[in-house]
N, C-alpha and C. Protein backbone atom coordinates (compact mmCIF):
# COMPACT_ATOMS: atom_id res chain seq x y z
N UNK A 1 0.84 -1.17 0.00
CA UNK A 1 0.00 0.00 0.00
C UNK A 1 0.89 1.24 0.00
N UNK A 2 0.47 2.27 -0.68
CA UNK A 2 1.22 3.53 -0.74
C UNK A 2 0.54 4.58 0.11
N UNK A 3 1.36 5.36 0.81
CA UNK A 3 0.87 6.46 1.64
C UNK A 3 1.63 7.71 1.24
N UNK A 4 0.92 8.82 1.14
CA UNK A 4 1.54 10.10 0.83
C UNK A 4 1.53 10.96 2.10
N UNK A 5 2.69 11.55 2.43
CA UNK A 5 2.83 12.40 3.60
C UNK A 5 3.17 13.80 3.13
N UNK A 6 2.40 14.79 3.56
CA UNK A 6 2.67 16.19 3.21
C UNK A 6 3.54 16.80 4.30
N UNK A 7 4.78 17.10 3.95
CA UNK A 7 5.71 17.72 4.88
C UNK A 7 6.71 16.73 5.45
N UNK A 8 7.96 17.20 5.56
CA UNK A 8 9.02 16.35 6.11
C UNK A 8 9.60 16.99 7.37
N UNK A 9 8.74 17.60 8.15
CA UNK A 9 9.17 18.17 9.42
C UNK A 9 9.14 17.12 10.52
N UNK A 10 9.07 17.59 11.74
CA UNK A 10 9.11 16.69 12.89
C UNK A 10 7.96 15.68 12.88
N UNK A 11 6.78 16.10 12.53
CA UNK A 11 5.62 15.20 12.57
C UNK A 11 5.56 14.32 11.32
N UNK A 12 5.67 14.93 10.15
CA UNK A 12 5.53 14.18 8.90
C UNK A 12 6.61 13.14 8.70
N UNK A 13 7.86 13.51 8.98
CA UNK A 13 8.96 12.58 8.77
C UNK A 13 8.87 11.38 9.71
N UNK A 14 8.59 11.64 10.97
CA UNK A 14 8.49 10.55 11.95
C UNK A 14 7.30 9.65 11.62
N UNK A 15 6.19 10.24 11.25
CA UNK A 15 5.01 9.45 10.89
C UNK A 15 5.30 8.57 9.69
N UNK A 16 5.94 9.14 8.67
CA UNK A 16 6.28 8.37 7.48
C UNK A 16 7.22 7.23 7.76
N UNK A 17 8.21 7.46 8.61
CA UNK A 17 9.16 6.41 8.97
C UNK A 17 8.44 5.27 9.70
N UNK A 18 7.53 5.62 10.58
CA UNK A 18 6.77 4.59 11.30
C UNK A 18 5.95 3.74 10.34
N UNK A 19 5.30 4.38 9.38
CA UNK A 19 4.54 3.63 8.38
C UNK A 19 5.47 2.76 7.53
N UNK A 20 6.61 3.29 7.14
CA UNK A 20 7.56 2.54 6.32
C UNK A 20 8.08 1.31 7.06
N UNK A 21 8.31 1.45 8.35
CA UNK A 21 8.79 0.32 9.15
C UNK A 21 7.77 -0.81 9.22
N UNK A 22 6.49 -0.48 9.07
CA UNK A 22 5.45 -1.51 9.13
C UNK A 22 5.11 -2.06 7.76
N UNK A 23 5.85 -1.63 6.71
CA UNK A 23 5.68 -2.22 5.40
C UNK A 23 5.01 -1.37 4.34
N UNK A 24 4.63 -0.15 4.65
CA UNK A 24 3.99 0.72 3.66
C UNK A 24 5.05 1.40 2.79
N UNK A 25 4.69 1.72 1.56
CA UNK A 25 5.52 2.55 0.69
C UNK A 25 5.11 3.99 0.94
N UNK A 26 6.05 4.82 1.37
CA UNK A 26 5.76 6.20 1.75
C UNK A 26 6.32 7.15 0.71
N UNK A 27 5.49 8.10 0.29
CA UNK A 27 5.91 9.15 -0.63
C UNK A 27 5.76 10.48 0.11
N UNK A 28 6.87 11.23 0.20
CA UNK A 28 6.85 12.53 0.87
C UNK A 28 6.64 13.64 -0.14
N UNK A 29 5.88 14.66 0.25
CA UNK A 29 5.68 15.86 -0.54
C UNK A 29 6.03 17.04 0.34
N UNK A 30 6.92 17.91 -0.15
CA UNK A 30 7.34 19.06 0.63
C UNK A 30 7.73 20.18 -0.31
N UNK A 31 7.59 21.43 0.13
CA UNK A 31 7.98 22.57 -0.69
C UNK A 31 9.48 22.81 -0.62
N UNK A 32 10.15 22.25 0.37
CA UNK A 32 11.59 22.42 0.52
C UNK A 32 12.30 21.24 -0.16
N UNK A 33 12.82 21.49 -1.34
CA UNK A 33 13.48 20.43 -2.14
C UNK A 33 14.69 19.87 -1.41
N UNK A 34 15.38 20.71 -0.64
CA UNK A 34 16.57 20.26 0.08
C UNK A 34 16.26 19.14 1.05
N UNK A 35 15.13 19.23 1.73
CA UNK A 35 14.74 18.18 2.68
C UNK A 35 14.47 16.86 1.95
N UNK A 36 13.83 16.93 0.81
CA UNK A 36 13.54 15.72 0.04
C UNK A 36 14.84 15.08 -0.43
N UNK A 37 15.78 15.90 -0.92
CA UNK A 37 17.06 15.37 -1.38
C UNK A 37 17.84 14.71 -0.24
N UNK A 38 17.78 15.29 0.95
CA UNK A 38 18.47 14.69 2.09
C UNK A 38 17.89 13.32 2.43
N UNK A 39 16.56 13.20 2.40
CA UNK A 39 15.96 11.90 2.73
C UNK A 39 16.30 10.85 1.68
N UNK A 40 16.50 11.27 0.43
CA UNK A 40 16.90 10.31 -0.61
C UNK A 40 18.28 9.72 -0.32
N UNK A 41 19.13 10.47 0.41
CA UNK A 41 20.47 10.01 0.73
C UNK A 41 20.58 9.55 2.18
N UNK A 42 19.44 9.21 2.78
CA UNK A 42 19.39 8.70 4.16
C UNK A 42 19.94 9.68 5.18
N UNK A 43 19.73 10.97 4.95
CA UNK A 43 20.10 12.01 5.91
C UNK A 43 18.82 12.56 6.53
N UNK A 44 18.78 12.64 7.84
CA UNK A 44 17.59 13.13 8.53
C UNK A 44 17.60 14.67 8.51
N UNK A 45 16.61 15.32 7.89
CA UNK A 45 16.62 16.77 7.75
C UNK A 45 16.09 17.54 8.96
N UNK A 46 15.81 16.87 10.06
CA UNK A 46 15.30 17.60 11.24
C UNK A 46 16.31 17.57 12.36
């Protein structure tokens, strides 16, 4: 199942990681491209 999370701040990122750990495919949407790029390289942007 796919889940879309709006925002990669403290709430969105942690929520997405929790869903991903339970087997969901998580797609993040954020206006800050730098945060998205960091998560692609396994860097926590918060």
